[in-house]
Amino acid sequence: MMFKNTPTILLIAIIGATPLLAATEPAEDGRYAAIFPPGWQVRDVVLAAADAGHSTLTIGRTANIGVFDLPHRDDRNALRDAGAWLVLPASVFRGCLIDQTPITPSPRFTRESPAT
């Protein structure tokens, strides 16, 4: 009976381990996503970051995820001490938990619209 489920168990283990392996690599650009406890709002994340001596670059798709510029390990540890559950390279969450909208205005909106 155990051998019948082995391929399924291995597939689940591989799928689950892949993001964890990516998380072990340091962020190339120094951007890290910090996941705070469920129920935290944007205000809570920003205040925790301020307590750790950092400012928030952006907020993730949920209010309890913040993206920060954390080039040093001590910076990441300070954010954990301020309440973050996980601090992982932001690239691990790209497309899933971090909104990838551009931070510069679209050319369509920078042009003046005709007067009506």
PDB file of N, CA and C in Angstrom:
ATOM      1  N   MET A   1       0.818  -1.191   0.000  1.00  0.00           N
ATOM      2  CA  MET A   1       0.000   0.000   0.000  1.00  0.00           C
ATOM      3  C   MET A   1       0.867   1.263   0.000  1.00  0.00           C
ATOM      4  N   MET A   2       1.954   1.228   0.747  1.00  0.00           N
ATOM      5  CA  MET A   2       2.854   2.377   0.839  1.00  0.00           C
ATOM      6  C   MET A   2       3.480   2.691  -0.519  1.00  0.00           C
ATOM      7  N   PHE A   3       3.857   1.653  -1.267  1.00  0.00           N
ATOM      8  CA  PHE A   3       4.523   1.862  -2.547  1.00  0.00           C
ATOM      9  C   PHE A   3       3.582   2.435  -3.600  1.00  0.00           C
ATOM     10  N   LYS A   4       2.304   2.234  -3.437  1.00  0.00           N
ATOM     11  CA  LYS A   4       1.331   2.761  -4.378  1.00  0.00           C
ATOM     12  C   LYS A   4       1.293   4.293  -4.319  1.00  0.00           C
ATOM     13  N   ASN A   5       1.478   4.867  -3.143  1.00  0.00           N
ATOM     14  CA  ASN A   5       1.408   6.317  -2.960  1.00  0.00           C
ATOM     15  C   ASN A   5       2.764   7.005  -3.056  1.00  0.00           C
ATOM     16  N   THR A   6       3.827   6.250  -3.216  1.00  0.00           N
ATOM     17  CA  THR A   6       5.168   6.829  -3.227  1.00  0.00           C
ATOM     18  C   THR A   6       5.356   7.893  -4.309  1.00  0.00           C
ATOM     19  N   PRO A   7       4.941   7.676  -5.569  1.00  0.00           N
ATOM     20  CA  PRO A   7       5.127   8.733  -6.576  1.00  0.00           C
ATOM     21  C   PRO A   7       4.399  10.030  -6.207  1.00  0.00           C
ATOM     22  N   THR A   8       3.215   9.906  -5.663  1.00  0.00           N
ATOM     23  CA  THR A   8       2.459  11.098  -5.266  1.00  0.00           C
ATOM     24  C   THR A   8       3.160  11.832  -4.143  1.00  0.00           C
ATOM     25  N   ILE A   9       3.641  11.105  -3.169  1.00  0.00           N
ATOM     26  CA  ILE A   9       4.342  11.708  -2.035  1.00  0.00           C
ATOM     27  C   ILE A   9       5.617  12.401  -2.509  1.00  0.00           C
ATOM     28  N   LEU A  10       6.358  11.761  -3.405  1.00  0.00           N
ATOM     29  CA  LEU A  10       7.578  12.372  -3.937  1.00  0.00           C
ATOM     30  C   LEU A  10       7.277  13.639  -4.733  1.00  0.00           C
ATOM     31  N   LEU A  11       6.223  13.615  -5.524  1.00  0.00           N
ATOM     32  CA  LEU A  11       5.846  14.789  -6.302  1.00  0.00           C
ATOM     33  C   LEU A  11       5.486  15.960  -5.388  1.00  0.00           C
ATOM     34  N   ILE A  12       4.722  15.699  -4.353  1.00  0.00           N
ATOM     35  CA  ILE A  12       4.354  16.751  -3.399  1.00  0.00           C
ATOM     36  C   ILE A  12       5.596  17.290  -2.702  1.00  0.00           C
ATOM     37  N   ALA A  13       6.515  16.413  -2.331  1.00  0.00           N
ATOM     38  CA  ALA A  13       7.746  16.846  -1.657  1.00  0.00           C
ATOM     39  C   ALA A  13       8.600  17.721  -2.571  1.00  0.00           C
ATOM     40  N   ILE A  14       8.706  17.357  -3.837  1.00  0.00           N
ATOM     41  CA  ILE A  14       9.508  18.141  -4.785  1.00  0.00           C
ATOM     42  C   ILE A  14       8.873  19.507  -5.022  1.00  0.00           C
ATOM     43  N   ILE A  15       7.560  19.533  -5.205  1.00  0.00           N
ATOM     44  CA  ILE A  15       6.869  20.808  -5.425  1.00  0.00           C
ATOM     45  C   ILE A  15       7.006  21.705  -4.201  1.00  0.00           C
ATOM     46  N   GLY A  16       6.919  21.131  -3.021  1.00  0.00           N
ATOM     47  CA  GLY A  16       7.050  21.915  -1.793  1.00  0.00           C
ATOM     48  C   GLY A  16       8.463  22.389  -1.536  1.00  0.00           C
ATOM     49  N   ALA A  17       9.454  21.615  -1.957  1.00  0.00           N
ATOM     50  CA  ALA A  17      10.850  21.963  -1.677  1.00  0.00           C
ATOM     51  C   ALA A  17      11.415  22.994  -2.651  1.00  0.00           C
ATOM     52  N   THR A  18      10.860  23.090  -3.838  1.00  0.00           N
ATOM     53  CA  THR A  18      11.410  24.000  -4.839  1.00  0.00           C
ATOM     54  C   THR A  18      11.459  25.455  -4.370  1.00  0.00           C
ATOM     55  N   PRO A  19      10.371  26.033  -3.837  1.00  0.00           N
ATOM     56  CA  PRO A  19      10.476  27.420  -3.350  1.00  0.00           C
ATOM     57  C   PRO A  19      11.437  27.555  -2.174  1.00  0.00           C
ATOM     58  N   LEU A  20      11.532  26.531  -1.356  1.00  0.00           N
ATOM     59  CA  LEU A  20      12.451  26.595  -0.219  1.00  0.00           C
ATOM     60  C   LEU A  20      13.899  26.618  -0.687  1.00  0.00           C
ATOM     61  N   LEU A  21      14.202  25.894  -1.750  1.00  0.00           N
ATOM     62  CA  LEU A  21      15.559  25.927  -2.291  1.00  0.00           C
ATOM     63  C   LEU A  21      15.876  27.306  -2.862  1.00  0.00           C
ATOM     64  N   ALA A  22      14.908  27.916  -3.505  1.00  0.00           N
ATOM     65  CA  ALA A  22      15.112  29.266  -4.039  1.00  0.00           C
ATOM     66  C   ALA A  22      15.314  30.269  -2.913  1.00  0.00           C
ATOM     67  N   ALA A  23      14.695  30.025  -1.784  1.00  0.00           N
ATOM     68  CA  ALA A  23      14.795  30.951  -0.651  1.00  0.00           C
ATOM     69  C   ALA A  23      16.168  30.929   0.000  1.00  0.00           C
ATOM     70  N   THR A  24      16.943  29.884  -0.226  1.00  0.00           N
ATOM     71  CA  THR A  24      18.266  29.809   0.386  1.00  0.00           C
ATOM     72  C   THR A  24      19.283  30.692  -0.324  1.00  0.00           C
ATOM     73  N   GLU A  25      18.969  31.098  -1.546  1.00  0.00           N
ATOM     74  CA  GLU A  25      19.862  31.983  -2.292  1.00  0.00           C
ATOM     75  C   GLU A  25      19.663  33.419  -1.824  1.00  0.00           C
ATOM     76  N   PRO A  26      20.738  34.183  -1.672  1.00  0.00           N
ATOM     77  CA  PRO A  26      20.567  35.595  -1.298  1.00  0.00           C
ATOM     78  C   PRO A  26      19.945  36.381  -2.452  1.00  0.00           C
ATOM     79  N   ALA A  27      19.228  37.422  -2.112  1.00  0.00           N
ATOM     80  CA  ALA A  27      18.602  38.265  -3.138  1.00  0.00           C
ATOM     81  C   ALA A  27      19.679  39.023  -3.897  1.00  0.00           C
ATOM     82  N   GLU A  28      19.609  38.991  -5.218  1.00  0.00           N
ATOM     83  CA  GLU A  28      20.608  39.672  -6.043  1.00  0.00           C
ATOM     84  C   GLU A  28      20.509  41.189  -5.918  1.00  0.00           C
ATOM     85  N   ASP A  29      19.292  41.685  -5.755  1.00  0.00           N
ATOM     86  CA  ASP A  29      19.098  43.134  -5.694  1.00  0.00           C
ATOM     87  C   ASP A  29      18.900  43.649  -4.273  1.00  0.00           C
ATOM     88  N   GLY A  30      19.011  42.781  -3.278  1.00  0.00           N
ATOM     89  CA  GLY A  30      18.857  43.197  -1.889  1.00  0.00           C
ATOM     90  C   GLY A  30      17.419  43.358  -1.442  1.00  0.00           C
ATOM     91  N   ARG A  31      16.469  43.051  -2.335  1.00  0.00           N
ATOM     92  CA  ARG A  31      15.049  43.179  -1.984  1.00  0.00           C
ATOM     93  C   ARG A  31      14.548  41.894  -1.353  1.00  0.00           C
ATOM     94  N   TYR A  32      13.953  42.047  -0.185  1.00  0.00           N
ATOM     95  CA  TYR A  32      13.409  40.911   0.547  1.00  0.00           C
ATOM     96  C   TYR A  32      11.946  41.163   0.876  1.00  0.00           C
ATOM     97  N   ALA A  33      11.164  40.098   0.849  1.00  0.00           N
ATOM     98  CA  ALA A  33       9.766  40.166   1.263  1.00  0.00           C
ATOM     99  C   ALA A  33       9.680  39.627   2.683  1.00  0.00           C
ATOM    100  N   ALA A  34       8.999  40.363   3.528  1.00  0.00           N
ATOM    101  CA  ALA A  34       8.798  39.941   4.909  1.00  0.00           C
ATOM    102  C   ALA A  34       7.324  39.622   5.096  1.00  0.00           C
ATOM    103  N   ILE A  35       7.064  38.432   5.616  1.00  0.00           N
ATOM    104  CA  ILE A  35       5.691  38.017   5.877  1.00  0.00           C
ATOM    105  C   ILE A  35       5.449  38.152   7.369  1.00  0.00           C
ATOM    106  N   PHE A  36       4.463  38.971   7.697  1.00  0.00           N
ATOM    107  CA  PHE A  36       4.099  39.225   9.082  1.00  0.00           C
ATOM    108  C   PHE A  36       2.877  38.381   9.444  1.00  0.00           C
ATOM    109  N   PRO A  37       2.516  38.314  10.709  1.00  0.00           N
ATOM    110  CA  PRO A  37       1.387  37.467  11.118  1.00  0.00           C
ATOM    111  C   PRO A  37       0.086  37.818  10.386  1.00  0.00           C
ATOM    112  N   PRO A  38      -0.770  36.818  10.174  1.00  0.00           N
ATOM    113  CA  PRO A  38      -2.075  37.092   9.562  1.00  0.00           C
ATOM    114  C   PRO A  38      -2.840  38.099  10.415  1.00  0.00           C
ATOM    115  N   GLY A  39      -3.563  38.955   9.753  1.00  0.00           N
ATOM    116  CA  GLY A  39      -4.326  39.967  10.468  1.00  0.00           C
ATOM    117  C   GLY A  39      -3.614  41.301  10.580  1.00  0.00           C
ATOM    118  N   TRP A  40      -2.314  41.314  10.316  1.00  0.00           N
ATOM    119  CA  TRP A  40      -1.588  42.584  10.339  1.00  0.00           C
ATOM    120  C   TRP A  40      -2.032  43.415   9.148  1.00  0.00           C
ATOM    121  N   GLN A  41      -2.159  44.697   9.374  1.00  0.00           N
ATOM    122  CA  GLN A  41      -2.530  45.639   8.325  1.00  0.00           C
ATOM    123  C   GLN A  41      -1.280  46.385   7.852  1.00  0.00           C
ATOM    124  N   VAL A  42      -1.429  47.174   6.814  1.00  0.00           N
ATOM    125  CA  VAL A  42      -0.304  47.928   6.255  1.00  0.00           C
ATOM    126  C   VAL A  42       0.345  48.785   7.339  1.00  0.00           C
ATOM    127  N   ARG A  43      -0.472  49.413   8.153  1.00  0.00           N
ATOM    128  CA  ARG A  43       0.045  50.267   9.229  1.00  0.00           C
ATOM    129  C   ARG A  43       0.960  49.473  10.158  1.00  0.00           C
ATOM    130  N   ASP A  44       0.556  48.255  10.516  1.00  0.00           N
ATOM    131  CA  ASP A  44       1.361  47.416  11.404  1.00  0.00           C
ATOM    132  C   ASP A  44       2.708  47.071  10.776  1.00  0.00           C
ATOM    133  N   VAL A  45       2.696  46.749   9.481  1.00  0.00           N
ATOM    134  CA  VAL A  45       3.927  46.396   8.768  1.00  0.00           C
ATOM    135  C   VAL A  45       4.868  47.595   8.708  1.00  0.00           C
ATOM    136  N   VAL A  46       4.322  48.766   8.384  1.00  0.00           N
ATOM    137  CA  VAL A  46       5.147  49.976   8.283  1.00  0.00           C
ATOM    138  C   VAL A  46       5.736  50.337   9.643  1.00  0.00           C
ATOM    139  N   LEU A  47       4.941  50.229  10.707  1.00  0.00           N
ATOM    140  CA  LEU A  47       5.443  50.540  12.052  1.00  0.00           C
ATOM    141  C   LEU A  47       6.513  49.547  12.501  1.00  0.00           C
ATOM    142  N   ALA A  48       6.321  48.264  12.187  1.00  0.00           N
ATOM    143  CA  ALA A  48       7.333  47.260  12.539  1.00  0.00           C
ATOM    144  C   ALA A  48       8.631  47.535  11.788  1.00  0.00           C
ATOM    145  N   ALA A  49       8.517  47.905  10.518  1.00  0.00           N
ATOM    146  CA  ALA A  49       9.710  48.227   9.730  1.00  0.00           C
ATOM    147  C   ALA A  49      10.415  49.442  10.313  1.00  0.00           C
ATOM    148  N   ALA A  50       9.647  50.438  10.724  1.00  0.00           N
ATOM    149  CA  ALA A  50      10.247  51.634  11.328  1.00  0.00           C
ATOM    150  C   ALA A  50      10.957  51.281  12.631  1.00  0.00           C
ATOM    151  N   ASP A  51      10.361  50.389  13.417  1.00  0.00           N
ATOM    152  CA  ASP A  51      11.013  49.937  14.652  1.00  0.00           C
ATOM    153  C   ASP A  51      12.339  49.246  14.358  1.00  0.00           C
ATOM    154  N   ALA A  52      12.407  48.575  13.208  1.00  0.00           N
ATOM    155  CA  ALA A  52      13.637  47.881  12.816  1.00  0.00           C
ATOM    156  C   ALA A  52      14.605  48.810  12.084  1.00  0.00           C
ATOM    157  N   GLY A  53      14.195  50.052  11.858  1.00  0.00           N
ATOM    158  CA  GLY A  53      15.070  51.015  11.191  1.00  0.00           C
ATOM    159  C   GLY A  53      15.007  50.980   9.682  1.00  0.00           C
ATOM    160  N   HIS A  54      13.895  50.510   9.124  1.00  0.00           N
ATOM    161  CA  HIS A  54      13.758  50.393   7.671  1.00  0.00           C
ATOM    162  C   HIS A  54      12.473  51.048   7.206  1.00  0.00           C
ATOM    163  N   SER A  55      12.434  51.366   5.923  1.00  0.00           N
ATOM    164  CA  SER A  55      11.195  51.861   5.332  1.00  0.00           C
ATOM    165  C   SER A  55      10.709  50.842   4.308  1.00  0.00           C
ATOM    166  N   THR A  56       9.415  50.776   4.155  1.00  0.00           N
ATOM    167  CA  THR A  56       8.790  49.807   3.265  1.00  0.00           C
ATOM    168  C   THR A  56       8.876  50.291   1.822  1.00  0.00           C
ATOM    169  N   LEU A  57       9.342  49.417   0.917  1.00  0.00           N
ATOM    170  CA  LEU A  57       9.365  49.760  -0.508  1.00  0.00           C
ATOM    171  C   LEU A  57       7.977  49.633  -1.108  1.00  0.00           C
ATOM    172  N   THR A  58       7.306  48.530  -0.788  1.00  0.00           N
ATOM    173  CA  THR A  58       5.957  48.282  -1.292  1.00  0.00           C
ATOM    174  C   THR A  58       5.290  47.240  -0.403  1.00  0.00           C
ATOM    175  N   ILE A  59       3.991  47.097  -0.561  1.00  0.00           N
ATOM    176  CA  ILE A  59       3.213  46.108   0.178  1.00  0.00           C
ATOM    177  C   ILE A  59       2.807  45.019  -0.809  1.00  0.00           C
ATOM    178  N   GLY A  60       2.765  43.793  -0.341  1.00  0.00           N
ATOM    179  CA  GLY A  60       2.397  42.669  -1.188  1.00  0.00           C
ATOM    180  C   GLY A  60       0.914  42.637  -1.504  1.00  0.00           C
ATOM    181  N   ARG A  61       0.469  41.540  -2.088  1.00  0.00           N
ATOM    182  CA  ARG A  61      -0.943  41.405  -2.451  1.00  0.00           C
ATOM    183  C   ARG A  61      -1.838  41.331  -1.226  1.00  0.00           C
ATOM    184  N   THR A  62      -1.287  40.941  -0.088  1.00  0.00           N
ATOM    185  CA  THR A  62      -2.019  40.994   1.170  1.00  0.00           C
ATOM    186  C   THR A  62      -1.318  42.001   2.067  1.00  0.00           C
ATOM    187  N   ALA A  63      -2.064  42.562   2.993  1.00  0.00           N
ATOM    188  CA  ALA A  63      -1.549  43.669   3.813  1.00  0.00           C
ATOM    189  C   ALA A  63      -0.426  43.257   4.756  1.00  0.00           C
ATOM    190  N   ASN A  64      -0.270  41.972   5.013  1.00  0.00           N
ATOM    191  CA  ASN A  64       0.758  41.532   5.968  1.00  0.00           C
ATOM    192  C   ASN A  64       2.091  41.179   5.310  1.00  0.00           C
ATOM    193  N   ILE A  65       2.276  41.531   4.051  1.00  0.00           N
ATOM    194  CA  ILE A  65       3.539  41.279   3.351  1.00  0.00           C
ATOM    195  C   ILE A  65       4.139  42.615   2.934  1.00  0.00           C
ATOM    196  N   GLY A  66       5.377  42.834   3.310  1.00  0.00           N
ATOM    197  CA  GLY A  66       6.077  44.050   2.918  1.00  0.00           C
ATOM    198  C   GLY A  66       7.352  43.705   2.177  1.00  0.00           C
ATOM    199  N   VAL A  67       7.752  44.561   1.253  1.00  0.00           N
ATOM    200  CA  VAL A  67       8.997  44.379   0.510  1.00  0.00           C
ATOM    201  C   VAL A  67       9.952  45.478   0.953  1.00  0.00           C
ATOM    202  N   PHE A  68      11.179  45.072   1.256  1.00  0.00           N
ATOM    203  CA  PHE A  68      12.166  45.979   1.828  1.00  0.00           C
ATOM    204  C   PHE A  68      13.509  45.814   1.129  1.00  0.00           C
ATOM    205  N   ASP A  69      14.332  46.844   1.214  1.00  0.00           N
ATOM    206  CA  ASP A  69      15.721  46.767   0.764  1.00  0.00           C
ATOM    207  C   ASP A  69      16.541  46.399   1.996  1.00  0.00           C
ATOM    208  N   LEU A  70      16.995  45.147   2.052  1.00  0.00           N
ATOM    209  CA  LEU A  70      17.714  44.631   3.221  1.00  0.00           C
ATOM    210  C   LEU A  70      19.027  43.999   2.778  1.00  0.00           C
ATOM    211  N   PRO A  71      20.053  44.795   2.521  1.00  0.00           N
ATOM    212  CA  PRO A  71      21.295  44.251   1.977  1.00  0.00           C
ATOM    213  C   PRO A  71      22.106  43.411   2.962  1.00  0.00           C
ATOM    214  N   HIS A  72      21.903  43.596   4.261  1.00  0.00           N
ATOM    215  CA  HIS A  72      22.725  42.888   5.247  1.00  0.00           C
ATOM    216  C   HIS A  72      21.885  41.931   6.090  1.00  0.00           C
ATOM    217  N   ARG A  73      22.506  40.855   6.521  1.00  0.00           N
ATOM    218  CA  ARG A  73      21.828  39.860   7.349  1.00  0.00           C
ATOM    219  C   ARG A  73      21.273  40.492   8.627  1.00  0.00           C
ATOM    220  N   ASP A  74      22.004  41.438   9.213  1.00  0.00           N
ATOM    221  CA  ASP A  74      21.532  42.104  10.430  1.00  0.00           C
ATOM    222  C   ASP A  74      20.224  42.849  10.184  1.00  0.00           C
ATOM    223  N   ASP A  75      20.065  43.399   8.989  1.00  0.00           N
ATOM    224  CA  ASP A  75      18.820  44.089   8.639  1.00  0.00           C
ATOM    225  C   ASP A  75      17.649  43.113   8.641  1.00  0.00           C
ATOM    226  N   ARG A  76      17.869  41.933   8.087  1.00  0.00           N
ATOM    227  CA  ARG A  76      16.809  40.924   8.046  1.00  0.00           C
ATOM    228  C   ARG A  76      16.483  40.427   9.448  1.00  0.00           C
ATOM    229  N   ASN A  77      17.506  40.249  10.277  1.00  0.00           N
ATOM    230  CA  ASN A  77      17.271  39.815  11.655  1.00  0.00           C
ATOM    231  C   ASN A  77      16.503  40.864  12.446  1.00  0.00           C
ATOM    232  N   ALA A  78      16.798  42.144  12.209  1.00  0.00           N
ATOM    233  CA  ALA A  78      16.078  43.217  12.901  1.00  0.00           C
ATOM    234  C   ALA A  78      14.600  43.198  12.530  1.00  0.00           C
ATOM    235  N   LEU A  79      14.300  42.887  11.275  1.00  0.00           N
ATOM    236  CA  LEU A  79      12.906  42.816  10.850  1.00  0.00           C
ATOM    237  C   LEU A  79      12.204  41.619  11.486  1.00  0.00           C
ATOM    238  N   ARG A  80      12.913  40.510  11.610  1.00  0.00           N
ATOM    239  CA  ARG A  80      12.341  39.351  12.310  1.00  0.00           C
ATOM    240  C   ARG A  80      12.060  39.694  13.769  1.00  0.00           C
ATOM    241  N   ASP A  81      12.993  40.400  14.397  1.00  0.00           N
ATOM    242  CA  ASP A  81      12.801  40.805  15.790  1.00  0.00           C
ATOM    243  C   ASP A  81      11.614  41.754  15.941  1.00  0.00           C
ATOM    244  N   ALA A  82      11.292  42.483  14.876  1.00  0.00           N
ATOM    245  CA  ALA A  82      10.168  43.421  14.911  1.00  0.00           C
ATOM    246  C   ALA A  82       8.831  42.740  14.646  1.00  0.00           C
ATOM    247  N   GLY A  83       8.849  41.433  14.349  1.00  0.00           N
ATOM    248  CA  GLY A  83       7.595  40.701  14.194  1.00  0.00           C
ATOM    249  C   GLY A  83       7.419  39.897  12.925  1.00  0.00           C
ATOM    250  N   ALA A  84       8.348  39.982  11.980  1.00  0.00           N
ATOM    251  CA  ALA A  84       8.204  39.224  10.727  1.00  0.00           C
ATOM    252  C   ALA A  84       8.371  37.733  10.992  1.00  0.00           C
ATOM    253  N   TRP A  85       7.497  36.938  10.415  1.00  0.00           N
ATOM    254  CA  TRP A  85       7.607  35.486  10.547  1.00  0.00           C
ATOM    255  C   TRP A  85       8.672  34.941   9.608  1.00  0.00           C
ATOM    256  N   LEU A  86       8.656  35.410   8.368  1.00  0.00           N
ATOM    257  CA  LEU A  86       9.615  34.964   7.352  1.00  0.00           C
ATOM    258  C   LEU A  86      10.170  36.175   6.623  1.00  0.00           C
ATOM    259  N   VAL A  87      11.446  36.123   6.307  1.00  0.00           N
ATOM    260  CA  VAL A  87      12.074  37.143   5.464  1.00  0.00           C
ATOM    261  C   VAL A  87      12.822  36.382   4.375  1.00  0.00           C
ATOM    262  N   LEU A  88      12.299  36.469   3.146  1.00  0.00           N
ATOM    263  CA  LEU A  88      12.838  35.707   2.022  1.00  0.00           C
ATOM    264  C   LEU A  88      13.079  36.637   0.840  1.00  0.00           C
ATOM    265  N   PRO A  89      13.969  36.253  -0.080  1.00  0.00           N
ATOM    266  CA  PRO A  89      14.177  37.083  -1.273  1.00  0.00           C
ATOM    267  C   PRO A  89      12.845  37.354  -1.979  1.00  0.00           C
ATOM    268  N   ALA A  90      12.621  38.587  -2.349  1.00  0.00           N
ATOM    269  CA  ALA A  90      11.354  38.968  -2.985  1.00  0.00           C
ATOM    270  C   ALA A  90      11.128  38.206  -4.283  1.00  0.00           C
ATOM    271  N   SER A  91      12.191  37.815  -4.957  1.00  0.00           N
ATOM    272  CA  SER A  91      12.047  37.094  -6.227  1.00  0.00           C
ATOM    273  C   SER A  91      11.361  35.747  -6.046  1.00  0.00           C
ATOM    274  N   VAL A  92      11.406  35.182  -4.844  1.00  0.00           N
ATOM    275  CA  VAL A  92      10.738  33.906  -4.579  1.00  0.00           C
ATOM    276  C   VAL A  92       9.233  34.062  -4.739  1.00  0.00           C
ATOM    277  N   PHE A  93       8.708  35.231  -4.386  1.00  0.00           N
ATOM    278  CA  PHE A  93       7.268  35.453  -4.409  1.00  0.00           C
ATOM    279  C   PHE A  93       6.784  36.196  -5.645  1.00  0.00           C
ATOM    280  N   ARG A  94       7.665  36.499  -6.543  1.00  0.00           N
ATOM    281  CA  ARG A  94       7.290  37.297  -7.714  1.00  0.00           C
ATOM    282  C   ARG A  94       6.113  36.652  -8.436  1.00  0.00           C
ATOM    283  N   GLY A  95       5.071  37.433  -8.619  1.00  0.00           N
ATOM    284  CA  GLY A  95       3.897  36.951  -9.330  1.00  0.00           C
ATOM    285  C   GLY A  95       2.871  36.270  -8.458  1.00  0.00           C
ATOM    286  N   CYS A  96       3.248  35.832  -7.269  1.00  0.00           N
ATOM    287  CA  CYS A  96       2.299  35.142  -6.398  1.00  0.00           C
ATOM    288  C   CYS A  96       1.782  36.051  -5.291  1.00  0.00           C
ATOM    289  N   LEU A  97       2.689  36.525  -4.477  1.00  0.00           N
ATOM    290  CA  LEU A  97       2.287  37.317  -3.320  1.00  0.00           C
ATOM    291  C   LEU A  97       2.721  38.766  -3.403  1.00  0.00           C
ATOM    292  N   ILE A  98       3.511  39.099  -4.418  1.00  0.00           N
ATOM    293  CA  ILE A  98       3.981  40.468  -4.565  1.00  0.00           C
ATOM    294  C   ILE A  98       3.451  41.018  -5.874  1.00  0.00           C
ATOM    295  N   ASP A  99       2.760  42.124  -5.798  1.00  0.00           N
ATOM    296  CA  ASP A  99       2.200  42.764  -6.982  1.00  0.00           C
ATOM    297  C   ASP A  99       3.339  43.317  -7.831  1.00  0.00           C
ATOM    298  N   GLN A 100       3.341  43.018  -9.091  1.00  0.00           N
ATOM    299  CA  GLN A 100       4.423  43.433  -9.981  1.00  0.00           C
ATOM    300  C   GLN A 100       4.046  44.637 -10.827  1.00  0.00           C
ATOM    301  N   THR A 101       3.150  45.481 -10.335  1.00  0.00           N
ATOM    302  CA  THR A 101       2.789  46.665 -11.103  1.00  0.00           C
ATOM    303  C   THR A 101       3.973  47.611 -11.153  1.00  0.00           C
ATOM    304  N   PRO A 102       4.173  48.288 -12.260  1.00  0.00           N
ATOM    305  CA  PRO A 102       5.316  49.198 -12.361  1.00  0.00           C
ATOM    306  C   PRO A 102       5.170  50.364 -11.393  1.00  0.00           C
ATOM    307  N   ILE A 103       6.308  50.848 -10.909  1.00  0.00           N
ATOM    308  CA  ILE A 103       6.260  51.954  -9.963  1.00  0.00           C
ATOM    309  C   ILE A 103       6.326  53.308 -10.667  1.00  0.00           C
ATOM    310  N   THR A 104       6.611  53.312 -11.959  1.00  0.00           N
ATOM    311  CA  THR A 104       6.613  54.568 -12.713  1.00  0.00           C
ATOM    312  C   THR A 104       5.297  54.671 -13.473  1.00  0.00           C
ATOM    313  N   PRO A 105       4.793  55.881 -13.659  1.00  0.00           N
ATOM    314  CA  PRO A 105       3.521  56.030 -14.368  1.00  0.00           C
ATOM    315  C   PRO A 105       3.629  55.561 -15.813  1.00  0.00           C
ATOM    316  N   SER A 106       2.569  55.028 -16.286  1.00  0.00           N
ATOM    317  CA  SER A 106       2.505  54.595 -17.674  1.00  0.00           C
ATOM    318  C   SER A 106       2.569  55.812 -18.590  1.00  0.00           C
ATOM    319  N   PRO A 107       3.233  55.702 -19.763  1.00  0.00           N
ATOM    320  CA  PRO A 107       3.292  56.839 -20.688  1.00  0.00           C
ATOM    321  C   PRO A 107       1.897  57.327 -21.072  1.00  0.00           C
ATOM    322  N   ARG A 108       0.940  56.440 -21.068  1.00  0.00           N
ATOM    323  CA  ARG A 108      -0.427  56.799 -21.428  1.00  0.00           C
ATOM    324  C   ARG A 108      -0.991  57.852 -20.467  1.00  0.00           C
ATOM    325  N   PHE A 109      -0.579  57.776 -19.202  1.00  0.00           N
ATOM    326  CA  PHE A 109      -1.105  58.696 -18.205  1.00  0.00           C
ATOM    327  C   PHE A 109      -0.223  59.921 -17.997  1.00  0.00           C
ATOM    328  N   THR A 110       0.981  59.928 -18.531  1.00  0.00           N
ATOM    329  CA  THR A 110       1.860  61.076 -18.331  1.00  0.00           C
ATOM    330  C   THR A 110       1.619  62.171 -19.359  1.00  0.00           C
ATOM    331  N   ARG A 111       1.024  61.818 -20.488  1.00  0.00           N
ATOM    332  CA  ARG A 111       0.700  62.828 -21.493  1.00  0.00           C
ATOM    333  C   ARG A 111      -0.530  63.612 -21.051  1.00  0.00           C
ATOM    334  N   GLU A 112      -0.539  64.854 -21.425  1.00  0.00           N
ATOM    335  CA  GLU A 112      -1.714  65.664 -21.096  1.00  0.00           C
ATOM    336  C   GLU A 112      -2.873  65.234 -21.971  1.00  0.00           C
ATOM    337  N   SER A 113      -4.031  65.169 -21.371  1.00  0.00           N
ATOM    338  CA  SER A 113      -5.208  64.820 -22.153  1.00  0.00           C
ATOM    339  C   SER A 113      -5.755  66.081 -22.814  1.00  0.00           C
ATOM    340  N   PRO A 114      -6.378  65.922 -23.962  1.00  0.00           N
ATOM    341  CA  PRO A 114      -6.918  67.103 -24.642  1.00  0.00           C
ATOM    342  C   PRO A 114      -8.011  67.753 -23.800  1.00  0.00           C
ATOM    343  N   ALA A 115      -8.045  69.066 -23.862  1.00  0.00           N
ATOM    344  CA  ALA A 115      -9.073  69.803 -23.117  1.00  0.00           C
ATOM    345  C   ALA A 115     -10.429  69.565 -23.761  1.00  0.00           C
ATOM    346  N   THR A 116     -11.423  69.435 -22.939  1.00  0.00           N
ATOM    347  CA  THR A 116     -12.766  69.215 -23.492  1.00  0.00           C
ATOM    348  C   THR A 116     -13.654  70.386 -23.216  1.00  0.00           C
TER     349      THR A 116
END
